[in-house]
């Protein structure tokens, strides 16, 4: 009820300020949401690029080995001259290779990266990997606020027959992106604070200008008397609504 007692000038002033504040909050929210979506896409695309590159590297190793290329020989093939550790260092990823039943065959040296080895791949993951048309499955998890992505894909021979499963654990590190986002939001906040100050000044003068004609009409009506000659209201550059009100008053007197 108190809001209904506010003057038109005050309402216009408050409405304009709230409009600017609402737009600012909305833009901040959309920016943060868009950032999170882009961060997710960035990490997914980065992991996918790593996976493709490692699979190509594995294909080259299998093509150049003297061993018979089958599941049983994958351990010796990638142990020879520390091939799997070399690939892990080049691609900056921890590499695990499992057989088709989900049992671990070989993994890169955990001294290079945080070890996240599992003894076997869960049956649920094996089923989802087998059901995919791309023969690639991405699993996302979150532990204590830290996001992880796990990439599973088939390693095939020259005839595209599945030999094993490549598992790539990936830690979704957003520290750099978060720092960039915070810096961007701080700069945006500074800009919007300046815009808010300008909006307050403009809304003050604009509300004063809009209600100026109404104030003149109000004063004239208060001065109107039946026992004296009343002056007509003369306004220039009045709006259509104000002009209609002025015409009605002038006709009345």
Protein backbone atom coordinates (compact mmCIF):
# COMPACT_ATOMS: atom_id res chain seq x y z
CA UNK A 1 0.00 0.00 0.00
CA UNK A 2 2.88 2.35 0.71
CA UNK A 3 4.07 1.96 -2.89
CA UNK A 4 0.70 3.26 -4.10
CA UNK A 5 1.28 6.51 -2.20
CA UNK A 6 4.54 7.27 -3.96
CA UNK A 7 4.56 10.16 -6.40
CA UNK A 8 4.70 9.50 -10.13
CA UNK A 9 8.17 11.06 -10.25
CA UNK A 10 9.42 8.69 -7.55
CA UNK A 11 7.87 5.69 -9.30
CA UNK A 12 9.52 6.60 -12.60
CA UNK A 13 12.86 7.08 -10.86
CA UNK A 14 12.66 3.74 -8.99
CA UNK A 15 11.43 1.87 -12.08
CA UNK A 16 14.35 3.05 -14.19
CA UNK A 17 16.88 2.09 -11.50
CA UNK A 18 15.29 -1.34 -11.06
CA UNK A 19 15.32 -1.82 -14.84
CA UNK A 20 19.06 -1.16 -15.00
CA UNK A 21 19.74 -3.40 -11.99
CA UNK A 22 17.57 -6.19 -13.41
CA UNK A 23 19.32 -6.02 -16.77
CA UNK A 24 22.72 -6.10 -15.05
CA UNK A 25 21.84 -9.16 -12.96
CA UNK A 26 20.40 -10.92 -16.00
CA UNK A 27 23.53 -10.26 -18.07
CA UNK A 28 25.77 -11.45 -15.22
CA UNK A 29 23.73 -14.65 -14.92
CA UNK A 30 23.78 -15.32 -18.66
CA UNK A 31 27.54 -14.66 -18.77
CA UNK A 32 28.29 -17.15 -15.97
CA UNK A 33 25.98 -19.77 -17.51
CA UNK A 34 27.55 -19.31 -20.95
CA UNK A 35 31.02 -19.58 -19.44
CA UNK A 36 30.16 -22.87 -17.74
CA UNK A 37 28.77 -24.29 -20.97
CA UNK A 38 31.86 -23.22 -22.91
CA UNK A 39 34.15 -24.62 -20.20
CA UNK A 40 32.40 -27.99 -20.41
CA UNK A 41 32.67 -27.98 -24.21
CA UNK A 42 36.34 -26.96 -24.03
CA UNK A 43 37.25 -29.86 -21.74
CA UNK A 44 35.23 -32.37 -23.76
CA UNK A 45 36.84 -31.26 -27.03
CA UNK A 46 40.31 -31.25 -25.46
CA UNK A 47 39.88 -34.77 -24.11
CA UNK A 48 38.51 -35.90 -27.48
CA UNK A 49 41.54 -34.45 -29.28
CA UNK A 50 43.87 -36.18 -26.81
CA UNK A 51 42.04 -39.46 -27.30
CA UNK A 52 42.27 -39.27 -31.12
CA UNK A 53 45.96 -38.40 -30.98
CA UNK A 54 46.76 -41.24 -28.56
CA UNK A 55 44.81 -43.75 -30.65
CA UNK A 56 46.78 -42.68 -33.73
CA UNK A 57 50.00 -43.06 -31.74
CA UNK A 58 48.90 -46.55 -30.61
CA UNK A 59 48.04 -47.47 -34.19
CA UNK A 60 51.54 -46.45 -35.30
CA UNK A 61 53.15 -48.52 -32.49
CA UNK A 62 51.08 -51.57 -33.42
CA UNK A 63 51.95 -51.18 -37.09
CA UNK A 64 55.69 -51.01 -36.40
CA UNK A 65 55.98 -53.78 -33.78
CA UNK A 66 57.53 -57.20 -34.46
CA UNK A 67 55.08 -58.89 -32.11
CA UNK A 68 51.91 -60.52 -33.32
CA UNK A 69 49.23 -57.88 -32.83
CA UNK A 70 46.67 -59.41 -30.46
CA UNK A 71 45.33 -58.73 -26.99
CA UNK A 72 47.83 -61.04 -25.25
CA UNK A 73 50.83 -59.21 -26.72
CA UNK A 74 49.71 -55.67 -25.93
CA UNK A 75 51.57 -55.71 -22.61
CA UNK A 76 54.97 -56.58 -24.12
CA UNK A 77 54.39 -54.27 -27.10
CA UNK A 78 53.86 -51.18 -24.95
CA UNK A 79 56.37 -52.20 -22.29
CA UNK A 80 59.14 -52.41 -24.88
CA UNK A 81 61.31 -49.31 -24.61
CA UNK A 82 58.72 -47.77 -22.28
CA UNK A 83 56.41 -46.94 -25.17
CA UNK A 84 53.40 -46.29 -22.97
CA UNK A 85 55.33 -43.92 -20.68
CA UNK A 86 56.70 -42.11 -23.71
CA UNK A 87 53.18 -41.61 -25.09
CA UNK A 88 51.96 -40.44 -21.68
CA UNK A 89 54.69 -37.80 -21.52
CA UNK A 90 54.15 -36.62 -25.10
CA UNK A 91 50.38 -36.29 -24.75
CA UNK A 92 50.48 -35.25 -21.07
CA UNK A 93 47.89 -37.84 -20.17
CA UNK A 94 47.79 -40.90 -17.99
CA UNK A 95 47.15 -43.95 -20.22
CA UNK A 96 45.52 -47.22 -19.18
CA UNK A 97 44.92 -50.19 -21.45
CA UNK A 98 42.39 -52.88 -20.49
CA UNK A 99 41.39 -56.09 -22.23
CA UNK A 100 37.88 -56.49 -23.65
CA UNK A 101 36.67 -57.98 -20.36
CA UNK A 102 37.77 -54.86 -18.47
CA UNK A 103 40.91 -56.24 -16.78
CA UNK A 104 43.98 -54.00 -16.63
CA UNK A 105 46.79 -54.94 -19.02
CA UNK A 106 49.20 -52.04 -18.70
CA UNK A 107 49.24 -48.42 -17.58
CA UNK A 108 51.64 -45.51 -17.79
CA UNK A 109 54.00 -44.78 -14.92
CA UNK A 110 52.08 -43.08 -12.11
CA UNK A 111 55.14 -41.01 -11.24
CA UNK A 112 54.25 -38.69 -14.11
CA UNK A 113 50.59 -38.19 -13.19
CA UNK A 114 48.22 -38.73 -10.31
CA UNK A 115 47.40 -42.43 -10.29
CA UNK A 116 43.71 -43.16 -10.75
CA UNK A 117 44.04 -46.81 -11.72
CA UNK A 118 41.12 -49.13 -11.26
CA UNK A 119 41.65 -52.88 -11.27
CA UNK A 120 38.85 -53.43 -13.75
CA UNK A 121 36.31 -51.48 -15.75
CA UNK A 122 32.77 -51.79 -14.33
CA UNK A 123 30.30 -53.90 -16.30
CA UNK A 124 27.98 -50.90 -16.65
CA UNK A 125 30.71 -48.95 -18.48
CA UNK A 126 31.54 -51.95 -20.71
CA UNK A 127 27.87 -52.25 -21.68
CA UNK A 128 27.53 -48.55 -22.48
CA UNK A 129 30.76 -48.57 -24.48
CA UNK A 130 29.61 -51.58 -26.50
CA UNK A 131 26.22 -49.97 -27.14
CA UNK A 132 27.64 -46.74 -28.59
CA UNK A 133 27.84 -46.39 -32.36
CA UNK A 134 31.12 -44.46 -32.13
CA UNK A 135 32.65 -47.08 -29.80
CA UNK A 136 33.60 -44.24 -27.51
CA UNK A 137 32.08 -43.52 -24.11
CA UNK A 138 32.62 -40.44 -21.93
CA UNK A 139 31.80 -40.61 -18.22
CA UNK A 140 31.61 -37.53 -15.98
CA UNK A 141 31.97 -37.59 -12.21
CA UNK A 142 32.44 -35.05 -9.41
CA UNK A 143 34.22 -35.71 -6.11
CA UNK A 144 34.43 -33.03 -3.40
CA UNK A 145 33.70 -30.30 -5.93
CA UNK A 146 36.40 -31.50 -8.35
CA UNK A 147 35.11 -32.57 -11.77
CA UNK A 148 36.53 -35.57 -13.61
CA UNK A 149 36.01 -37.01 -17.07
CA UNK A 150 36.82 -40.57 -18.10
CA UNK A 151 37.22 -41.51 -21.75
CA UNK A 152 36.77 -45.12 -22.87
CA UNK A 153 37.40 -46.22 -26.47
CA UNK A 154 38.34 -49.36 -28.36
CA UNK A 155 41.84 -50.08 -29.62
CA UNK A 156 41.56 -51.94 -32.93
CA UNK A 157 43.95 -53.79 -35.23
CA UNK A 158 44.48 -53.12 -38.92
CA UNK A 159 41.17 -54.80 -39.76
CA UNK A 160 39.27 -52.72 -37.18
CA UNK A 161 38.85 -55.71 -34.87
CA UNK A 162 38.68 -54.61 -31.19
CA UNK A 163 41.80 -55.64 -29.27
CA UNK A 164 41.52 -53.71 -26.03
CA UNK A 165 40.02 -50.68 -24.32
CA UNK A 166 41.86 -47.38 -23.91
CA UNK A 167 41.01 -45.52 -20.71
CA UNK A 168 42.03 -41.88 -20.26
CA UNK A 169 41.35 -40.21 -16.88
CA UNK A 170 41.05 -36.45 -17.13
CA UNK A 171 40.92 -33.88 -14.32
CA UNK A 172 38.77 -30.90 -15.32
CA UNK A 173 40.95 -28.07 -14.04
CA UNK A 174 39.05 -24.77 -14.32
CA UNK A 175 41.40 -22.67 -12.19
CA UNK A 176 42.76 -20.65 -15.13
CA UNK A 177 39.33 -20.24 -16.71
CA UNK A 178 37.83 -19.24 -13.36
CA UNK A 179 40.51 -16.59 -12.91
CA UNK A 180 39.76 -15.19 -16.36
CA UNK A 181 36.03 -15.23 -15.61
CA UNK A 182 36.53 -13.43 -12.27
CA UNK A 183 38.66 -10.76 -13.94
CA UNK A 184 36.02 -10.32 -16.64
CA UNK A 185 33.20 -10.07 -14.08
CA UNK A 186 35.14 -7.49 -12.05
CA UNK A 187 35.63 -5.33 -15.15
CA UNK A 188 31.98 -5.78 -16.09
CA UNK A 189 30.90 -4.83 -12.55
CA UNK A 190 32.95 -1.64 -12.78
CA UNK A 191 31.29 -0.76 -16.08
CA UNK A 192 27.80 -1.44 -14.73
CA UNK A 193 28.43 0.56 -11.58
CA UNK A 194 29.37 3.49 -13.79
CA UNK A 195 26.27 2.88 -15.93
CA UNK A 196 24.14 2.71 -12.78
CA UNK A 197 25.47 6.08 -11.64
CA UNK A 198 24.67 7.56 -15.05
CA UNK A 199 21.22 5.94 -14.94
CA UNK A 200 20.51 7.47 -11.52
CA UNK A 201 21.42 10.93 -12.78
CA UNK A 202 19.45 10.54 -16.02
CA UNK A 203 16.41 9.05 -14.30
CA UNK A 204 16.37 11.92 -11.81
CA UNK A 205 16.29 14.60 -14.51
CA UNK A 206 14.06 12.56 -16.82
CA UNK A 207 11.47 11.92 -14.12
CA UNK A 208 11.61 15.62 -13.23
CA UNK A 209 11.07 16.56 -16.89
CA UNK A 210 8.19 14.10 -17.34
CA UNK A 211 6.31 15.30 -14.26
CA UNK A 212 7.00 18.99 -14.83
CA UNK A 213 3.83 19.46 -16.94
CA UNK A 214 1.73 17.61 -14.37
CA UNK A 215 3.08 19.85 -11.62
CA UNK A 216 2.10 22.96 -13.58
CA UNK A 217 -1.42 21.59 -14.16
CA UNK A 218 -1.73 20.67 -10.48
CA UNK A 219 -0.75 24.18 -9.41
CA UNK A 220 -3.25 25.76 -11.83
CA UNK A 221 -6.09 23.53 -10.62
CA UNK A 222 -5.29 24.44 -7.00
CA UNK A 223 -5.48 28.14 -7.94
CA UNK A 224 -8.82 27.77 -9.72
CA UNK A 225 -11.66 29.77 -8.07
CA UNK A 226 -15.30 30.31 -8.99
CA UNK A 227 -15.29 33.97 -7.89
CA UNK A 228 -12.42 35.17 -10.09
CA UNK A 229 -11.17 35.03 -13.63
CA UNK A 230 -8.94 31.97 -14.14
CA UNK A 231 -6.10 31.81 -16.62
CA UNK A 232 -5.81 29.10 -19.23
CA UNK A 233 -2.84 26.78 -19.13
CA UNK A 234 -0.31 27.32 -21.89
CA UNK A 235 2.15 24.45 -22.43
CA UNK A 236 4.56 23.84 -25.28
CA UNK A 237 5.98 20.45 -26.31
CA UNK A 238 3.40 18.64 -24.20
CA UNK A 239 2.64 14.98 -24.81
CA UNK A 240 -0.68 13.89 -26.29
CA UNK A 241 -2.01 12.77 -22.92
CA UNK A 242 -0.93 15.98 -21.17
CA UNK A 243 -2.35 18.10 -24.01
CA UNK A 244 -5.73 16.34 -23.67
CA UNK A 245 -5.72 17.09 -19.93
CA UNK A 246 -4.80 20.74 -20.56
CA UNK A 247 -7.54 21.09 -23.19
CA UNK A 248 -10.11 19.66 -20.81
CA UNK A 249 -9.07 22.15 -18.11
CA UNK A 250 -9.10 25.11 -20.50
CA UNK A 251 -12.58 24.14 -21.72
CA UNK A 252 -13.79 23.86 -18.15
CA UNK A 253 -12.73 27.36 -17.12
